[in-house]
Amino acid sequence: MNGGHYMFDPTIFENLKVAFENHLYDLDNIDKKILIQNREDRMDFATLARCLSLEFRLRDQPDVAAVLQLETLLDDLAGEILEIPEAQPGCSLLLRFTKPVSELEEQCEQIKQILSSIWEEDVQITQTLSFEYGQKSRYINRIEVKFKPKLTEEHMEDIGSFLKYALKSLELLNRI
């Protein structure tokens, strides 16, 4: 109790959000490896979910965009804040890459192989192709790498390595 008010610790989401932002902004402002192009920090009042999205590209290879998306849902927030004993709160993590492709079968298979070799287990990789009407020879591949285990504060020390693999993924996707 502090002057009649309860003190709440920052949530897992808040702690991870700050850690990811710090690492990414260092890669942009200090290391000059990436260029952050968009940032969204949303609270969805319909579902009471929180979501952070940061879009970035490699400075010297701008053809492929990456979006890091960290999200937590009501169940996770409530379980953590209310300290529900059986709750296992955490955040979901998704990396989304957007890349132009023209040789669908060949390039999509290469993308699958490369990302599977970088991320190994505990990920789900999906590729969704689209094209603008009238531009059928140029497709946009939206590649999602969804990480299966929930993230908690125990994963904080892995953020640097995670982002190193994200940059390696960007670099290799630019070569395809």
Protein backbone atom coordinates (compact mmCIF):
# COMPACT_ATOMS: atom_id res chain seq x y z
CA MET A 1 0.00 0.00 0.00
CA ASN A 2 1.31 3.38 -0.98
CA GLY A 3 -0.76 6.29 0.31
CA GLY A 4 -3.96 4.23 0.05
CA HIS A 5 -3.22 3.11 -3.52
CA TYR A 6 -2.07 -0.27 -4.70
CA MET A 7 1.13 -0.38 -6.70
CA PHE A 8 1.04 -2.52 -9.83
CA ASP A 9 4.13 -3.87 -11.50
CA PRO A 10 4.32 -3.35 -15.25
CA THR A 11 2.74 -6.24 -17.14
CA ILE A 12 4.72 -8.82 -19.09
CA PHE A 13 3.52 -7.05 -22.24
CA GLU A 14 4.81 -3.65 -21.06
CA ASN A 15 8.21 -5.05 -20.09
CA LEU A 16 8.64 -6.96 -23.37
CA LYS A 17 7.35 -3.99 -25.40
CA VAL A 18 9.95 -1.65 -23.90
CA ALA A 19 12.72 -4.23 -24.41
CA PHE A 20 11.82 -4.84 -28.08
CA GLU A 21 11.50 -1.10 -28.74
CA ASN A 22 14.87 -0.37 -27.12
CA HIS A 23 16.64 -3.06 -29.14
CA LEU A 24 15.00 -2.06 -32.44
CA TYR A 25 15.55 1.67 -31.98
CA ASP A 26 19.23 0.97 -31.16
CA LEU A 27 19.49 -1.01 -34.43
CA ASP A 28 18.01 2.03 -36.19
CA ASN A 29 19.58 5.03 -34.45
CA ILE A 30 22.91 3.69 -33.17
CA ASP A 31 23.88 0.71 -35.35
CA LYS A 32 22.21 2.14 -38.50
CA LYS A 33 21.33 -1.41 -39.67
CA ILE A 34 17.58 -0.92 -40.03
CA LEU A 35 15.12 1.83 -40.75
CA ILE A 36 11.96 1.79 -38.63
CA GLN A 37 9.11 2.90 -40.83
CA ASN A 38 6.00 2.46 -38.75
CA ARG A 39 5.08 1.93 -35.11
CA GLU A 40 1.67 1.07 -33.69
CA ASP A 41 0.86 0.63 -30.01
CA ARG A 42 -2.81 -0.33 -29.84
CA MET A 43 -5.36 -1.07 -27.17
CA ASP A 44 -8.36 -2.89 -28.60
CA PHE A 45 -11.28 -1.88 -26.41
CA ALA A 46 -13.62 -4.45 -28.00
CA THR A 47 -11.47 -7.40 -26.91
CA LEU A 48 -9.28 -5.67 -24.31
CA ALA A 49 -6.13 -6.77 -26.10
CA ARG A 50 -2.80 -4.92 -26.44
CA CYS A 51 -0.68 -5.01 -29.57
CA LEU A 52 2.66 -3.47 -30.52
CA SER A 53 3.71 -3.50 -34.18
CA LEU A 54 7.04 -2.19 -35.43
CA GLU A 55 7.76 -2.19 -39.16
CA PHE A 56 11.36 -2.02 -40.35
CA ARG A 57 13.64 -2.73 -43.31
CA LEU A 58 17.35 -3.22 -43.73
CA ARG A 59 18.87 0.15 -44.69
CA ASP A 60 20.87 -1.26 -47.58
CA GLN A 61 18.19 -3.75 -48.77
CA PRO A 62 14.80 -2.02 -48.71
CA ASP A 63 12.82 -4.46 -50.90
CA VAL A 64 11.58 -6.65 -48.04
CA ALA A 65 9.69 -5.23 -45.06
CA ALA A 66 9.44 -6.88 -41.65
CA VAL A 67 6.84 -6.29 -38.97
CA LEU A 68 7.38 -7.47 -35.42
CA GLN A 69 4.04 -7.91 -33.65
CA LEU A 70 3.78 -8.48 -29.90
CA GLU A 71 0.29 -9.10 -28.55
CA THR A 72 -1.42 -9.97 -25.30
CA LEU A 73 -5.07 -10.87 -24.80
CA LEU A 74 -7.55 -10.22 -22.00
CA ASP A 75 -7.06 -13.67 -20.43
CA ASP A 76 -3.32 -13.08 -20.13
CA LEU A 77 -3.67 -9.54 -18.78
CA ALA A 78 -6.39 -10.47 -16.28
CA GLY A 79 -4.55 -13.57 -15.08
CA GLU A 80 -1.41 -11.57 -14.48
CA ILE A 81 -2.94 -8.43 -12.94
CA LEU A 82 -5.38 -10.34 -10.73
CA GLU A 83 -2.67 -12.89 -9.86
CA ILE A 84 -4.90 -15.85 -10.68
CA PRO A 85 -2.93 -18.92 -9.49
CA GLU A 86 -3.67 -21.21 -12.48
CA ALA A 87 -3.10 -18.48 -15.07
CA GLN A 88 -0.11 -18.73 -17.38
CA PRO A 89 0.12 -15.19 -18.76
CA GLY A 90 2.36 -14.24 -21.65
CA CYS A 91 2.47 -12.61 -25.06
CA SER A 92 2.27 -13.94 -28.58
CA LEU A 93 4.97 -12.99 -31.05
CA LEU A 94 4.74 -12.83 -34.82
CA LEU A 95 7.18 -11.73 -37.51
CA ARG A 96 5.59 -10.76 -40.82
CA PHE A 97 7.66 -10.23 -43.96
CA THR A 98 6.34 -8.68 -47.16
CA LYS A 99 8.23 -9.48 -50.34
CA PRO A 100 7.56 -9.21 -54.08
CA VAL A 101 7.81 -12.55 -55.94
CA SER A 102 7.40 -13.58 -59.57
CA GLU A 103 8.43 -17.29 -59.71
CA LEU A 104 5.84 -18.58 -57.24
CA GLU A 105 6.69 -22.26 -56.77
CA GLU A 106 10.45 -21.78 -56.78
CA GLN A 107 10.63 -18.66 -54.62
CA CYS A 108 8.01 -19.77 -52.09
CA GLU A 109 9.82 -23.09 -51.58
CA GLN A 110 13.14 -21.25 -51.11
CA ILE A 111 11.49 -18.91 -48.58
CA LYS A 112 10.07 -21.88 -46.66
CA GLN A 113 13.45 -23.66 -46.60
CA ILE A 114 15.40 -20.57 -45.50
CA LEU A 115 13.01 -19.55 -42.74
CA SER A 116 12.66 -23.13 -41.48
CA SER A 117 16.45 -23.43 -41.24
CA ILE A 118 16.79 -20.12 -39.36
CA TRP A 119 13.91 -20.56 -36.91
CA GLU A 120 13.90 -24.38 -36.59
CA GLU A 121 11.13 -25.66 -34.26
CA ASP A 122 8.30 -23.97 -32.41
CA VAL A 123 7.27 -21.75 -35.32
CA GLN A 124 4.45 -21.87 -37.80
CA ILE A 125 5.30 -20.41 -41.22
CA THR A 126 2.56 -19.36 -43.63
CA GLN A 127 2.83 -17.63 -46.99
CA THR A 128 -0.10 -15.75 -48.51
CA LEU A 129 0.15 -14.51 -52.09
CA SER A 130 -1.80 -11.62 -53.59
CA PHE A 131 -1.62 -9.40 -56.63
CA GLU A 132 -3.10 -6.13 -57.78
CA TYR A 133 -5.63 -6.57 -60.56
CA GLY A 134 -3.89 -6.03 -63.88
CA GLN A 135 -0.45 -6.82 -62.37
CA LYS A 136 -0.68 -10.60 -62.34
CA SER A 137 3.02 -11.18 -63.08
CA ARG A 138 4.02 -9.44 -59.85
CA TYR A 139 2.82 -11.05 -56.64
CA ILE A 140 3.19 -9.89 -53.05
CA ASN A 141 4.11 -12.65 -50.61
CA ARG A 142 3.03 -12.03 -47.03
CA ILE A 143 5.12 -14.41 -44.95
CA GLU A 144 4.20 -14.96 -41.30
CA VAL A 145 6.46 -16.62 -38.78
CA LYS A 146 4.35 -17.26 -35.68
CA PHE A 147 6.15 -18.36 -32.54
CA LYS A 148 4.25 -21.07 -30.69
CA PRO A 149 5.30 -20.67 -27.06
CA LYS A 150 4.09 -17.58 -25.23
CA LEU A 151 6.75 -15.06 -24.35
CA THR A 152 7.34 -14.06 -20.75
CA GLU A 153 9.94 -11.96 -18.97
CA GLU A 154 12.13 -15.08 -18.91
CA HIS A 155 12.67 -14.48 -22.64
CA MET A 156 14.11 -10.97 -22.17
CA GLU A 157 17.72 -12.09 -22.54
CA ASP A 158 16.84 -13.78 -25.87
CA ILE A 159 15.60 -10.60 -27.57
CA GLY A 160 19.03 -9.65 -28.95
CA SER A 161 19.50 -13.11 -30.52
CA PHE A 162 15.93 -13.11 -31.80
CA LEU A 163 16.47 -9.80 -33.58
CA LYS A 164 19.77 -11.03 -35.02
CA TYR A 165 17.83 -13.93 -36.61
CA ALA A 166 15.14 -11.49 -37.81
CA LEU A 167 17.80 -9.40 -39.58
CA LYS A 168 19.36 -12.56 -41.05
CA SER A 169 15.90 -13.56 -42.32
CA LEU A 170 15.49 -10.13 -43.94
CA GLU A 171 18.93 -10.34 -45.53
CA LEU A 172 18.31 -13.81 -47.00
CA LEU A 173 14.76 -12.96 -48.17
CA ASN A 174 16.18 -9.99 -50.06
CA ARG A 175 18.44 -12.38 -52.02
CA ILE A 176 15.58 -14.57 -53.29
